[in-house]
Amino acid sequence: MTSTAPEARQGQDAGEPHGEEPASWQQRLRRFGHAPRPGTGLRERLVPPYTRPGAQLWAVLGISPPLAGRLVRWSAWGGPLLVALVAGVLRFWKLGSPHALIFDETYYAKDSWALINQGYEGDWPKDIDKLILADPSKVHVPVDPGYVVHPPVGKWVIGLGEHFFGLTPFGWRFMVAVLGTLSVLMLCRIGRRLFRSTFLGCLAGTLLAVDGLHFVMSRTALLDLVLMFFVLAAFGALLIDRDWARRRLAAALPVDEEGVLRPDAEVAERLRLGWRPWRITAGLMLGLAFATKWNGLYIMVGFGLMTVLWDVGARRTAGAIRPYPAVLKRDLLPAFVSTVPVAIATYLVSWTGWIVTGKGYYRDWAQTDGRGGSWTWLPDWLRSLWHYEYQVYEFHVNLTSGHTYQSNPWSWIVLGRPVSYFWEEQSGCAASETGKCSREVLAIGTPLLWWAACFALVYVLWRWFFRRDWRAGAIACGVAAGWLPWFLYQERTIFLFYAVVFVPFLCLAVTMMIGAMLGPAAGTGPERELGLMTGDPSGERRRTLGAIAAGVLVLLIIWNFIYFWPIYTGTPIPDGSWRDRMWLDTWI
């Protein structure tokens, strides 16, 4: 039976044993029955095949080979769609509850409504929230421009839901729930491509579906879930581009008389990979991320470095003697042009409403306070936008006012200080000994998933540093790009829910660790190192124990999500039950 472990049949760029290509005399002896030592061929190292369940599994289930083939093909999309369906049902269940503007929805729901209706954010009265909740039909969009500190894409997304369903809790949360559901589908497919396993891909998506922070953010009209969606989409596009480029290299390499693909230094160093549409798609997604929240810029830098290193690894594997100069000559400029200018153009286009209407905040700065100077040759709208962005930057770096739920990024990974979005105490609760029920929406990850991710990150870093596993490096890059920049702003008021941007990569890290717990199948290169040959009782026992441990961990994570369900959804529960879920004092 073929393994679902991420190590199985997965070629690496460098550092992993790939097996050896048979020598020429071995090739000549094949016709006389010589069997060379098993290894991973160059084609499989460039574009590893997907794992497939072995014939033994189908025989046990009583499924014929033709039907088994159809099931395998169906599962590539059927499995992810099924996981996404479950995630969508969870996220849309009573989406309009609580019937309130919870936490920062008080800003984004109203700004989004103004954008959809007039193209720029308005200056809302302070007491407008009650009227919005009581009778949104009586709410008038203010004409005076409002000062906002985030780019408009996330608010355009939220406003799209309000356009179809009105200025209601369901309306302003609708599109965020859609993106939350689609991100689960994307992660299933991304995990499948990363690990070459449909099972592990669906497992990664399942973990994301039952993560509490992702779940709460999918049901709240804030910008961070929108940012996460575009970041994940960019990562997926770069992953597809990686496979595309390596297939292009494989197609250009020579094949010997035995049909074996051979490395070639000249091809590997001189081949131009040409048009790479998925890299342009990644640039578009990174631009949308940057145009949602500015920390998308750090992620663009991190992903840019990652994809350049992927090109280096591909050319080295294909036979390049000097892969870095080759990438510098052939790939670096096209990579830059297809991502950075595309992202910047996307960012500027996102401000179209502000530019065209001419009524947004600071829109006329260039004609008034900004007249004169050495930059008057630039369009007035561009100078006004630059001034606006500089003022926003000053606001962000100097935002040091205290907040009850602020936290240091060091504490995020262990869920040190979650954020309470909504709290309500209800009296006359018959199920409670105190006669009181508590109702809360707490933005906190599923604790067992996040605490398992702490160990998974250590494993991922070990795989990257000591085994040079590119998959581990990609996961580490996703986590680092979304998390490490916040350490530069130790004095700034920041919150744990910002971490939702790298939650998908935590799920990938846990999935990779679980794949290692399951262990590889018998009979291929990496498995022989572990002593897991067919018929080896110790290997079978190891796989059985690994499967039990992995299954228990996944079931505990799912149970943990179910246990915390009331404080994710604002479901009223007895005061004692609420306190039972406050595992740490800092959660209150």
Protein backbone atom coordinates (compact mmCIF):
# COMPACT_ATOMS: atom_id res chain seq x y z
CA MET A 1 0.00 0.00 0.00
CA THR A 2 1.38 3.41 -0.93
CA SER A 3 2.12 5.77 1.92
CA THR A 4 0.48 9.06 2.63
CA ALA A 5 3.58 10.25 4.48
CA PRO A 6 5.04 13.43 2.99
CA GLU A 7 8.45 11.78 2.65
CA ALA A 8 7.17 9.01 0.41
CA ARG A 9 8.07 9.32 -3.28
CA GLN A 10 8.80 13.03 -2.80
CA GLY A 11 11.88 14.34 -4.60
CA GLN A 12 13.85 17.13 -2.99
CA ASP A 13 15.91 19.91 -4.54
CA ALA A 14 18.98 19.05 -2.50
CA GLY A 15 20.09 17.28 0.60
CA GLU A 16 17.77 14.26 0.37
CA PRO A 17 18.90 10.90 -0.97
CA HIS A 18 17.56 10.78 -4.50
CA GLY A 19 18.96 7.43 -5.45
CA GLU A 20 21.61 7.15 -8.15
CA GLU A 21 21.17 7.06 -11.87
CA PRO A 22 22.32 3.69 -13.23
CA ALA A 23 25.80 3.77 -14.76
CA SER A 24 26.14 3.19 -18.49
CA TRP A 25 27.31 -0.40 -18.05
CA GLN A 26 24.29 -1.05 -15.86
CA GLN A 27 22.04 0.26 -18.61
CA ARG A 28 23.62 -2.12 -21.12
CA LEU A 29 23.18 -5.05 -18.75
CA ARG A 30 19.45 -4.36 -18.32
CA ARG A 31 18.71 -6.36 -21.45
CA PHE A 32 20.34 -9.37 -19.76
CA GLY A 33 18.19 -9.05 -16.65
CA HIS A 34 20.37 -6.75 -14.52
CA ALA A 35 18.27 -4.80 -11.99
CA PRO A 36 19.94 -1.54 -10.85
CA ARG A 37 19.61 -0.34 -7.28
CA PRO A 38 16.20 1.27 -6.72
CA GLY A 39 16.31 5.04 -6.76
CA THR A 40 14.39 8.14 -7.68
CA GLY A 41 14.85 9.17 -11.29
CA LEU A 42 15.58 12.70 -12.43
CA ARG A 43 12.09 13.19 -13.83
CA GLU A 44 10.55 12.17 -10.50
CA ARG A 45 12.94 14.49 -8.68
CA LEU A 46 11.91 17.42 -10.85
CA VAL A 47 8.17 16.68 -10.80
CA PRO A 48 7.37 14.03 -8.16
CA PRO A 49 4.33 11.85 -8.90
CA TYR A 50 1.28 11.82 -6.65
CA THR A 51 0.88 8.93 -4.24
CA ARG A 52 -1.82 6.39 -5.06
CA PRO A 53 -3.37 3.80 -2.77
CA GLY A 54 -2.00 0.35 -3.50
CA ALA A 55 -3.95 -2.54 -4.97
CA GLN A 56 -4.04 -4.24 -1.56
CA LEU A 57 -6.31 -1.54 -0.13
CA TRP A 58 -8.81 -1.84 -2.97
CA ALA A 59 -8.76 -5.64 -2.69
CA VAL A 60 -9.58 -5.41 1.03
CA LEU A 61 -12.46 -3.04 0.28
CA GLY A 62 -13.70 -5.27 -2.55
CA ILE A 63 -13.34 -2.54 -5.19
CA SER A 64 -12.41 -3.46 -8.74
CA PRO A 65 -9.33 -1.83 -10.35
CA PRO A 66 -11.36 0.23 -12.91
CA LEU A 67 -13.60 1.62 -10.17
CA ALA A 68 -10.55 2.22 -7.98
CA GLY A 69 -8.99 4.30 -10.75
CA ARG A 70 -12.14 6.41 -11.07
CA LEU A 71 -12.27 6.92 -7.29
CA VAL A 72 -8.66 8.08 -7.22
CA ARG A 73 -9.32 10.57 -10.01
CA TRP A 74 -12.53 11.75 -8.31
CA SER A 75 -10.88 12.17 -4.94
CA ALA A 76 -8.43 14.77 -6.26
CA TRP A 77 -11.29 17.28 -6.35
CA GLY A 78 -14.08 15.36 -4.61
CA GLY A 79 -12.22 15.10 -1.32
CA PRO A 80 -11.34 18.82 -1.12
CA LEU A 81 -14.86 19.83 -2.17
CA LEU A 82 -16.36 17.64 0.55
CA VAL A 83 -14.09 19.17 3.20
CA ALA A 84 -14.94 22.66 1.94
CA LEU A 85 -18.66 21.85 2.04
CA VAL A 86 -18.43 20.91 5.71
CA ALA A 87 -16.40 24.05 6.41
CA GLY A 88 -18.97 26.18 4.60
CA VAL A 89 -21.90 24.72 6.55
CA LEU A 90 -20.08 25.48 9.80
CA ARG A 91 -19.24 29.03 8.76
CA PHE A 92 -22.66 29.98 7.41
CA TRP A 93 -24.65 28.43 10.28
CA LYS A 94 -26.43 31.38 11.97
CA LEU A 95 -23.96 33.76 10.37
CA GLY A 96 -26.06 36.78 11.37
CA SER A 97 -25.63 35.99 15.07
CA PRO A 98 -24.76 37.91 17.16
CA HIS A 99 -26.99 40.66 15.81
CA ALA A 100 -24.43 43.31 16.57
CA LEU A 101 -21.43 45.19 15.25
CA ILE A 102 -18.81 43.14 17.05
CA PHE A 103 -15.34 44.52 17.72
CA ASP A 104 -13.92 46.38 14.67
CA GLU A 105 -16.96 45.59 12.54
CA THR A 106 -18.09 49.00 13.72
CA TYR A 107 -15.52 50.47 11.30
CA TYR A 108 -15.35 48.07 8.37
CA ALA A 109 -19.06 47.34 7.93
CA LYS A 110 -19.84 51.05 7.62
CA ASP A 111 -16.82 51.96 5.52
CA SER A 112 -17.63 49.09 3.15
CA TRP A 113 -21.21 50.28 2.81
CA ALA A 114 -19.97 53.79 1.94
CA LEU A 115 -17.50 52.43 -0.64
CA ILE A 116 -20.16 50.38 -2.39
CA ASN A 117 -22.58 53.30 -2.50
CA GLN A 118 -20.36 56.29 -3.25
CA GLY A 119 -16.82 55.09 -3.94
CA TYR A 120 -15.12 56.51 -0.82
CA GLU A 121 -15.43 56.15 2.95
CA GLY A 122 -17.61 58.60 4.84
CA ASP A 123 -17.37 60.27 8.24
CA TRP A 124 -20.00 58.35 10.21
CA PRO A 125 -21.76 59.77 13.28
CA LYS A 126 -20.67 58.13 16.53
CA ASP A 127 -24.16 56.95 17.50
CA ILE A 128 -25.12 55.41 14.15
CA ASP A 129 -24.59 51.75 15.17
CA LYS A 130 -27.91 51.45 17.00
CA LEU A 131 -29.83 52.79 14.01
CA ILE A 132 -28.02 50.40 11.66
CA LEU A 133 -29.04 47.42 13.76
CA ALA A 134 -32.60 48.67 14.33
CA ASP A 135 -33.52 49.86 10.83
CA PRO A 136 -30.77 50.03 8.18
CA SER A 137 -33.23 51.46 5.64
CA LYS A 138 -33.11 54.77 7.52
CA VAL A 139 -29.33 54.99 7.39
CA HIS A 140 -27.89 57.60 5.05
CA VAL A 141 -24.31 57.43 3.85
CA PRO A 142 -22.40 60.53 5.00
CA VAL A 143 -21.06 62.69 2.19
CA ASP A 144 -18.16 64.10 4.19
CA PRO A 145 -15.03 61.95 3.70
CA GLY A 146 -13.76 59.84 6.59
CA TYR A 147 -10.16 59.26 7.62
CA VAL A 148 -9.35 55.54 7.27
CA VAL A 149 -6.04 53.78 7.85
CA HIS A 150 -6.27 50.70 5.64
CA PRO A 151 -6.37 50.29 1.83
CA PRO A 152 -9.76 49.63 0.24
CA VAL A 153 -9.70 46.05 -1.18
CA GLY A 154 -10.87 44.30 1.99
CA LYS A 155 -13.70 46.79 2.35
CA TRP A 156 -14.71 46.35 -1.28
CA VAL A 157 -14.95 42.61 -0.59
CA ILE A 158 -17.08 43.13 2.53
CA GLY A 159 -19.20 45.68 0.69
CA LEU A 160 -19.98 43.16 -2.07
CA GLY A 161 -21.87 41.06 0.47
CA GLU A 162 -23.68 44.16 1.72
CA HIS A 163 -24.64 45.00 -1.86
CA PHE A 164 -26.54 41.71 -2.15
CA PHE A 165 -27.84 41.28 1.41
CA GLY A 166 -28.01 44.80 2.78
CA LEU A 167 -26.45 46.60 5.72
CA THR A 168 -27.08 43.70 8.10
CA PRO A 169 -24.83 41.37 10.12
CA PHE A 170 -25.38 38.63 7.54
CA GLY A 171 -24.64 41.06 4.70
CA TRP A 172 -21.35 42.39 6.02
CA ARG A 173 -20.16 38.91 7.06
CA PHE A 174 -21.25 37.06 3.92
CA MET A 175 -18.23 37.54 1.68
CA VAL A 176 -15.78 36.92 4.51
CA ALA A 177 -17.51 33.58 5.14
CA VAL A 178 -17.27 32.81 1.41
CA LEU A 179 -13.53 33.49 1.39
CA GLY A 180 -13.09 31.50 4.61
CA THR A 181 -14.77 28.51 2.97
CA LEU A 182 -12.83 28.86 -0.27
CA SER A 183 -9.56 29.08 1.67
CA VAL A 184 -10.28 25.63 3.10
CA LEU A 185 -10.75 24.31 -0.44
CA MET A 186 -7.54 26.01 -1.56
CA LEU A 187 -5.55 24.57 1.32
CA CYS A 188 -6.75 21.05 0.48
CA ARG A 189 -5.47 21.47 -3.05
CA ILE A 190 -2.28 23.23 -1.95
CA GLY A 191 -1.54 20.50 0.59
CA ARG A 192 -2.19 17.85 -2.06
CA ARG A 193 0.28 19.47 -4.44
CA LEU A 194 2.85 20.15 -1.71
CA PHE A 195 2.83 16.61 -0.25
CA ARG A 196 1.75 14.78 -3.43
CA SER A 197 -1.02 13.17 -1.40
CA THR A 198 -4.77 13.76 -1.62
CA PHE A 199 -5.18 12.39 1.89
CA LEU A 200 -2.68 14.80 3.43
CA GLY A 201 -4.10 17.69 1.42
CA CYS A 202 -7.60 17.00 2.73
CA LEU A 203 -6.19 16.62 6.23
CA ALA A 204 -4.60 20.08 6.03
CA GLY A 205 -7.93 21.53 4.88
CA THR A 206 -9.77 19.74 7.67
CA LEU A 207 -7.42 21.20 10.27
CA LEU A 208 -8.06 24.67 8.88
CA ALA A 209 -11.81 24.03 8.90
CA VAL A 210 -11.72 23.26 12.63
CA ASP A 211 -9.31 25.99 13.70
CA GLY A 212 -11.11 28.36 16.02
CA LEU A 213 -9.33 31.55 14.96
CA HIS A 214 -9.91 30.92 11.26
CA PHE A 215 -13.52 29.99 12.04
CA VAL A 216 -14.24 33.15 14.07
CA MET A 217 -12.49 35.38 11.54
CA SER A 218 -14.54 33.74 8.75
CA ARG A 219 -17.68 34.90 10.56
CA THR A 220 -16.54 38.45 11.33
CA ALA A 221 -16.29 41.42 8.96
CA LEU A 222 -12.64 42.26 9.57
CA LEU A 223 -9.85 42.62 7.02
CA ASP A 224 -7.44 39.95 8.24
CA LEU A 225 -9.31 36.95 6.84
CA VAL A 226 -9.47 38.68 3.45
CA LEU A 227 -5.71 39.26 3.66
CA MET A 228 -5.16 35.60 4.53
CA PHE A 229 -7.19 34.48 1.52
CA PHE A 230 -5.11 36.46 -0.97
CA VAL A 231 -1.84 35.39 0.68
CA LEU A 232 -2.85 31.73 0.46
CA ALA A 233 -3.96 32.17 -3.15
CA ALA A 234 -0.57 33.71 -4.00
CA PHE A 235 1.23 30.79 -2.35
CA GLY A 236 -0.89 28.32 -4.31
CA ALA A 237 -0.16 30.13 -7.58
CA LEU A 238 3.57 30.07 -6.90
CA LEU A 239 3.34 26.36 -6.10
CA ILE A 240 1.68 25.69 -9.44
CA ASP A 241 4.31 27.85 -11.16
CA ARG A 242 7.03 25.78 -9.49
CA ASP A 243 5.66 22.56 -10.97
CA TRP A 244 5.15 24.21 -14.35
CA ALA A 245 8.76 25.46 -14.50
CA ARG A 246 10.19 22.10 -13.47
CA ARG A 247 8.10 20.28 -16.08
CA ARG A 248 9.45 22.72 -18.65
CA LEU A 249 13.01 21.88 -17.58
CA ALA A 250 12.28 18.15 -17.65
CA ALA A 251 10.87 18.42 -21.17
CA ALA A 252 14.03 20.15 -22.39
CA LEU A 253 16.54 17.70 -20.89
CA PRO A 254 18.00 14.91 -23.04
CA VAL A 255 16.89 11.28 -22.81
CA ASP A 256 19.41 8.45 -23.29
CA GLU A 257 18.95 5.32 -25.36
CA GLU A 258 17.32 3.55 -22.43
CA GLY A 259 14.67 6.29 -22.12
CA VAL A 260 16.20 7.67 -18.92
CA LEU A 261 16.16 11.45 -18.42
CA ARG A 262 19.67 12.84 -18.00
CA PRO A 263 20.90 16.10 -16.42
CA ASP A 264 22.50 18.56 -18.78
CA ALA A 265 24.44 21.61 -17.55
CA GLU A 266 23.99 23.61 -20.76
CA VAL A 267 20.23 23.13 -20.87
CA ALA A 268 19.85 23.75 -17.15
CA GLU A 269 21.83 27.00 -17.25
CA ARG A 270 20.71 28.45 -20.59
CA LEU A 271 17.05 27.46 -20.95
CA ARG A 272 14.63 30.39 -20.75
CA LEU A 273 11.39 29.33 -19.14
CA GLY A 274 9.34 31.91 -21.02
CA TRP A 275 5.80 32.96 -20.20
CA ARG A 276 4.84 32.06 -16.62
CA PRO A 277 1.18 33.04 -16.12
CA TRP A 278 0.91 31.58 -12.63
CA ARG A 279 3.67 33.87 -11.42
CA ILE A 280 1.70 36.84 -12.76
CA THR A 281 -1.36 35.47 -10.95
CA ALA A 282 0.70 35.40 -7.77
CA GLY A 283 1.67 39.04 -8.35
CA LEU A 284 -2.00 39.94 -8.70
CA MET A 285 -2.91 38.10 -5.49
CA LEU A 286 -0.02 39.70 -3.58
CA GLY A 287 -1.15 43.10 -4.84
CA LEU A 288 -4.66 42.43 -3.55
CA ALA A 289 -3.16 41.31 -0.23
CA PHE A 290 -1.08 44.49 0.01
CA ALA A 291 -4.18 46.51 -0.95
CA THR A 292 -6.07 44.93 1.96
CA LYS A 293 -3.50 45.48 4.71
CA TRP A 294 0.04 46.73 4.42
CA ASN A 295 1.67 43.71 6.03
CA GLY A 296 0.99 42.00 2.71
CA LEU A 297 4.13 43.83 1.52
CA TYR A 298 6.34 41.79 3.88
CA ILE A 299 4.73 38.60 2.61
CA MET A 300 5.42 39.63 -0.99
CA VAL A 301 9.11 40.01 -0.16
CA GLY A 302 9.22 36.63 1.60
CA PHE A 303 7.44 34.81 -1.21
CA GLY A 304 9.65 36.52 -3.80
CA LEU A 305 12.82 35.19 -2.15
CA MET A 306 11.24 31.76 -1.80
CA THR A 307 10.33 31.42 -5.47
CA VAL A 308 13.82 32.54 -6.57
CA LEU A 309 15.35 29.81 -4.39
CA TRP A 310 12.91 27.35 -5.97
CA ASP A 311 14.31 28.29 -9.40
CA VAL A 312 17.84 27.75 -8.11
CA GLY A 313 16.91 24.30 -6.84
CA ALA A 314 15.22 23.39 -10.13
CA ARG A 315 18.22 24.35 -12.25
CA ARG A 316 20.61 22.59 -9.87
CA THR A 317 18.55 19.41 -10.04
CA ALA A 318 18.47 19.65 -13.83
CA GLY A 319 22.29 19.69 -13.87
CA ALA A 320 23.35 23.33 -13.60
CA ILE A 321 26.90 23.65 -12.30
CA ARG A 322 26.43 27.32 -11.39
CA PRO A 323 22.69 27.60 -10.64
CA TYR A 324 22.80 31.01 -8.92
CA PRO A 325 24.34 32.89 -11.88
CA ALA A 326 21.95 31.02 -14.17
CA VAL A 327 18.94 32.18 -12.19
CA LEU A 328 20.37 35.69 -12.01
CA LYS A 329 20.65 35.82 -15.81
CA ARG A 330 17.54 33.90 -16.85
CA ASP A 331 14.93 34.14 -14.10
CA LEU A 332 15.43 37.07 -11.72
CA LEU A 333 14.28 39.92 -13.96
CA PRO A 334 11.21 38.05 -15.32
CA ALA A 335 10.32 37.04 -11.75
CA PHE A 336 10.53 40.65 -10.59
CA VAL A 337 8.55 42.04 -13.53
CA SER A 338 5.78 39.45 -13.23
CA THR A 339 5.21 40.08 -9.51
CA VAL A 340 6.31 43.47 -8.15
CA PRO A 341 5.00 45.80 -10.91
CA VAL A 342 1.81 43.73 -11.12
CA ALA A 343 1.32 44.03 -7.36
CA ILE A 344 1.95 47.80 -7.38
CA ALA A 345 -0.42 48.32 -10.31
CA THR A 346 -3.07 46.27 -8.52
CA TYR A 347 -2.63 48.40 -5.41
CA LEU A 348 -3.10 51.64 -7.35
CA VAL A 349 -6.15 50.31 -9.19
CA SER A 350 -7.74 49.44 -5.85
CA TRP A 351 -7.91 53.18 -5.09
CA THR A 352 -9.98 53.88 -8.22
CA GLY A 353 -13.06 54.96 -6.25
CA TRP A 354 -11.05 57.45 -4.23
CA ILE A 355 -9.33 58.76 -7.36
CA VAL A 356 -12.36 59.04 -9.66
CA THR A 357 -14.85 60.56 -7.23
CA GLY A 358 -12.39 63.24 -6.14
CA LYS A 359 -14.07 63.45 -2.73
CA GLY A 360 -12.10 61.09 -0.52
CA TYR A 361 -10.04 62.13 2.47
CA TYR A 362 -6.93 64.13 1.40
CA ARG A 363 -8.04 63.76 -2.23
CA ASP A 364 -7.50 67.48 -2.94
CA TRP A 365 -4.30 67.83 -0.88
CA ALA A 366 -2.12 68.40 -3.97
CA GLN A 367 -4.30 71.35 -5.04
CA THR A 368 -4.40 72.91 -1.58
CA ASP A 369 -1.78 72.33 1.11
CA GLY A 370 0.52 70.42 -1.24
CA ARG A 371 0.90 73.04 -3.93
CA GLY A 372 4.44 73.73 -5.13
CA GLY A 373 7.56 71.69 -4.54
CA SER A 374 9.73 69.56 -6.79
CA TRP A 375 7.17 66.82 -7.49
CA THR A 376 4.51 68.88 -9.24
CA TRP A 377 5.18 67.07 -12.50
CA LEU A 378 3.39 64.04 -11.03
CA PRO A 379 -0.41 63.79 -11.32
CA ASP A 380 -2.22 65.54 -8.49
CA TRP A 381 -4.06 62.38 -7.48
CA LEU A 382 -0.78 60.48 -7.12
CA ARG A 383 0.79 63.17 -4.94
CA SER A 384 -2.34 63.34 -2.82
CA LEU A 385 -2.37 59.57 -2.44
CA TRP A 386 1.30 59.54 -1.47
CA HIS A 387 0.65 62.17 1.22
CA TYR A 388 -2.33 60.19 2.49
CA GLU A 389 -0.26 57.00 2.68
CA TYR A 390 2.51 58.79 4.56
CA GLN A 391 0.00 60.07 7.13
CA VAL A 392 -1.38 56.54 7.52
CA TYR A 393 2.14 55.18 8.02
CA GLU A 394 2.74 57.73 10.76
CA PHE A 395 -0.49 56.67 12.42
CA HIS A 396 0.41 52.97 12.38
CA VAL A 397 3.95 53.24 13.70
CA ASN A 398 2.85 55.59 16.49
CA LEU A 399 -0.19 53.55 17.55
CA THR A 400 0.95 52.78 21.09
CA SER A 401 -2.22 53.45 23.09
CA GLY A 402 -3.03 50.56 25.39
CA HIS A 403 -5.85 48.09 24.78
CA THR A 404 -7.34 45.44 27.02
CA TYR A 405 -6.74 42.67 24.50
CA GLN A 406 -3.42 43.69 22.98
CA SER A 407 -0.69 41.07 23.00
CA ASN A 408 2.96 40.57 22.14
CA PRO A 409 3.66 38.43 19.05
CA TRP A 410 5.81 36.14 21.20
CA SER A 411 2.62 34.90 22.88
CA TRP A 412 0.57 34.32 19.73
CA ILE A 413 1.75 30.80 18.96
CA VAL A 414 0.66 29.59 22.43
CA LEU A 415 -2.58 31.64 22.39
CA GLY A 416 -1.45 33.80 25.28
CA ARG A 417 -4.01 36.59 24.94
CA PRO A 418 -7.02 36.06 22.64
CA VAL A 419 -9.44 38.85 21.76
CA SER A 420 -13.05 38.94 22.95
CA TYR A 421 -15.16 40.27 20.07
CA PHE A 422 -18.50 40.06 21.83
CA TRP A 423 -19.66 39.51 25.40
CA GLU A 424 -23.11 39.40 26.90
CA GLU A 425 -24.32 38.17 30.28
CA GLN A 426 -27.87 36.87 30.50
CA SER A 427 -29.83 36.47 33.71
CA GLY A 428 -32.62 34.00 34.45
CA CYS A 429 -30.64 31.07 33.04
CA ALA A 430 -32.28 27.94 34.48
CA ALA A 431 -29.37 25.67 33.44
CA SER A 432 -26.89 27.67 35.52
CA GLU A 433 -26.36 27.30 39.26
CA THR A 434 -25.82 31.05 39.50
CA GLY A 435 -28.83 31.83 37.32
CA LYS A 436 -26.57 33.50 34.74
CA CYS A 437 -25.51 32.52 31.25
CA SER A 438 -22.54 33.87 29.34
CA ARG A 439 -22.45 34.61 25.64
CA GLU A 440 -19.10 35.33 24.00
CA VAL A 441 -17.31 35.36 20.66
CA LEU A 442 -13.65 34.78 21.45
CA ALA A 443 -11.06 35.03 18.68
CA ILE A 444 -8.82 32.15 19.71
CA GLY A 445 -7.36 29.25 17.78
CA THR A 446 -8.24 25.66 18.63
CA PRO A 447 -5.79 25.20 21.51
CA LEU A 448 -4.72 21.62 20.81
CA LEU A 449 -4.11 22.45 17.15
CA TRP A 450 -1.94 25.46 17.96
CA TRP A 451 -0.02 23.71 20.72
CA ALA A 452 0.61 20.79 18.38
CA ALA A 453 1.79 23.35 15.82
CA CYS A 454 4.52 24.43 18.25
CA PHE A 455 6.05 20.94 17.97
CA ALA A 456 5.28 20.80 14.25
CA LEU A 457 7.24 23.99 13.61
CA VAL A 458 10.27 22.50 15.35
CA TYR A 459 9.95 19.43 13.12
CA VAL A 460 9.54 21.60 10.00
CA LEU A 461 12.65 23.63 10.85
CA TRP A 462 14.58 20.41 11.43
CA ARG A 463 13.46 19.07 8.05
CA TRP A 464 14.50 22.31 6.40
CA PHE A 465 17.90 22.79 8.06
CA PHE A 466 19.12 19.21 8.26
CA ARG A 467 17.31 17.47 5.40
CA ARG A 468 17.01 20.49 3.09
CA ASP A 469 13.38 19.66 2.41
CA TRP A 470 11.94 22.41 0.20
CA ARG A 471 8.41 21.70 1.45
CA ALA A 472 9.44 22.43 5.01
CA GLY A 473 11.18 25.60 3.83
CA ALA A 474 8.01 26.75 2.04
CA ILE A 475 5.90 26.20 5.15
CA ALA A 476 8.45 27.98 7.32
CA CYS A 477 8.49 30.89 4.87
CA GLY A 478 4.70 31.24 5.08
CA VAL A 479 4.78 31.32 8.87
CA ALA A 480 7.77 33.67 9.05
CA ALA A 481 6.41 36.14 6.48
CA GLY A 482 3.12 36.46 8.36
CA TRP A 483 4.52 36.45 11.89
CA LEU A 484 8.09 37.79 12.16
CA PRO A 485 7.43 41.34 10.84
CA TRP A 486 5.28 42.05 13.87
CA PHE A 487 8.33 41.68 16.11
CA LEU A 488 9.61 44.94 14.59
CA TYR A 489 6.77 46.79 16.31
CA GLN A 490 7.11 45.77 19.93
CA GLU A 491 5.66 49.06 21.17
CA ARG A 492 2.71 49.06 18.77
CA THR A 493 -0.80 48.02 19.79
CA ILE A 494 -1.27 44.66 18.07
CA PHE A 495 -3.57 41.67 18.53
CA LEU A 496 -3.48 37.89 18.29
CA PHE A 497 -6.05 37.76 15.50
CA TYR A 498 -3.42 39.20 13.13
CA ALA A 499 -1.98 35.67 13.23
CA VAL A 500 -4.84 34.33 11.08
CA VAL A 501 -2.71 35.15 8.03
CA PHE A 502 -0.31 32.30 8.80
CA VAL A 503 -2.83 29.81 10.24
CA PRO A 504 -2.95 27.82 6.94
CA PHE A 505 0.80 27.30 7.17
CA LEU A 506 0.49 26.09 10.76
CA CYS A 507 -2.03 23.54 9.48
CA LEU A 508 0.43 22.47 6.78
CA ALA A 509 3.15 22.11 9.42
CA VAL A 510 0.93 19.89 11.60
CA THR A 511 -0.03 17.89 8.51
CA MET A 512 3.62 17.33 7.65
CA MET A 513 4.29 16.16 11.20
CA ILE A 514 1.31 13.81 11.07
CA GLY A 515 2.58 12.43 7.77
CA ALA A 516 5.88 11.63 9.47
CA MET A 517 3.99 9.99 12.33
CA LEU A 518 2.17 7.76 9.85
CA GLY A 519 5.47 6.75 8.31
CA PRO A 520 6.25 5.97 4.67
CA ALA A 521 5.17 2.88 2.82
CA ALA A 522 7.40 -0.08 2.23
CA GLY A 523 9.53 -0.58 -0.81
CA THR A 524 10.75 2.82 -2.02
CA GLY A 525 14.00 4.68 -1.45
CA PRO A 526 13.34 6.69 1.74
CA GLU A 527 11.52 3.75 3.32
CA ARG A 528 14.57 1.52 3.09
CA GLU A 529 16.47 3.98 5.27
CA LEU A 530 13.82 3.57 7.96
CA GLY A 531 13.84 -0.20 7.74
CA LEU A 532 10.23 -0.38 6.57
CA MET A 533 10.56 -3.06 3.93
CA THR A 534 7.62 -5.24 3.01
CA GLY A 535 7.19 -8.05 5.47
CA ASP A 536 9.21 -6.36 8.19
CA PRO A 537 7.13 -6.85 11.38
CA SER A 538 8.84 -3.98 13.17
CA GLY A 539 8.06 -1.65 10.26
CA GLU A 540 4.40 -2.68 10.25
CA ARG A 541 4.16 -2.16 14.01
CA ARG A 542 5.74 1.25 13.64
CA ARG A 543 3.18 2.24 10.99
CA THR A 544 0.32 0.93 13.10
CA LEU A 545 1.43 2.85 16.17
CA GLY A 546 2.04 5.95 14.08
CA ALA A 547 -1.42 5.73 12.54
CA ILE A 548 -3.00 5.35 15.99
CA ALA A 549 -1.08 8.34 17.37
CA ALA A 550 -1.92 10.48 14.34
CA GLY A 551 -5.59 9.50 14.48
CA VAL A 552 -5.83 10.28 18.18
CA LEU A 553 -4.25 13.70 17.64
CA VAL A 554 -6.65 14.62 14.83
CA LEU A 555 -9.69 13.42 16.80
CA LEU A 556 -8.57 15.41 19.86
CA ILE A 557 -8.23 18.55 17.73
CA ILE A 558 -11.73 18.05 16.30
CA TRP A 559 -13.11 17.41 19.81
CA ASN A 560 -11.37 20.56 21.05
CA PHE A 561 -13.06 22.60 18.32
CA ILE A 562 -16.47 21.15 19.22
CA TYR A 563 -15.85 21.83 22.92
CA PHE A 564 -15.06 25.49 22.24
CA TRP A 565 -17.89 25.88 19.72
CA PRO A 566 -20.11 27.94 22.12
CA ILE A 567 -17.43 30.60 22.62
CA TYR A 568 -16.69 30.73 18.90
CA THR A 569 -20.32 31.35 17.93
CA GLY A 570 -21.72 33.37 20.83
CA THR A 571 -23.98 30.52 21.97
CA PRO A 572 -25.37 31.16 25.49
CA ILE A 573 -23.98 28.67 28.04
CA PRO A 574 -24.13 28.51 31.86
CA ASP A 575 -21.60 30.72 33.56
CA GLY A 576 -19.83 27.67 35.01
CA SER A 577 -19.48 26.06 31.57
CA TRP A 578 -18.01 29.27 30.22
CA ARG A 579 -15.43 29.37 33.03
CA ASP A 580 -14.54 25.72 32.34
CA ARG A 581 -13.43 26.81 28.88
CA MET A 582 -11.18 29.57 30.19
CA TRP A 583 -8.14 27.28 30.44
CA LEU A 584 -5.76 30.17 31.06
CA ASP A 585 -6.34 33.25 33.19
CA THR A 586 -5.19 35.43 30.29
CA TRP A 587 -8.17 34.27 28.23
CA ILE A 588 -10.59 36.22 30.42
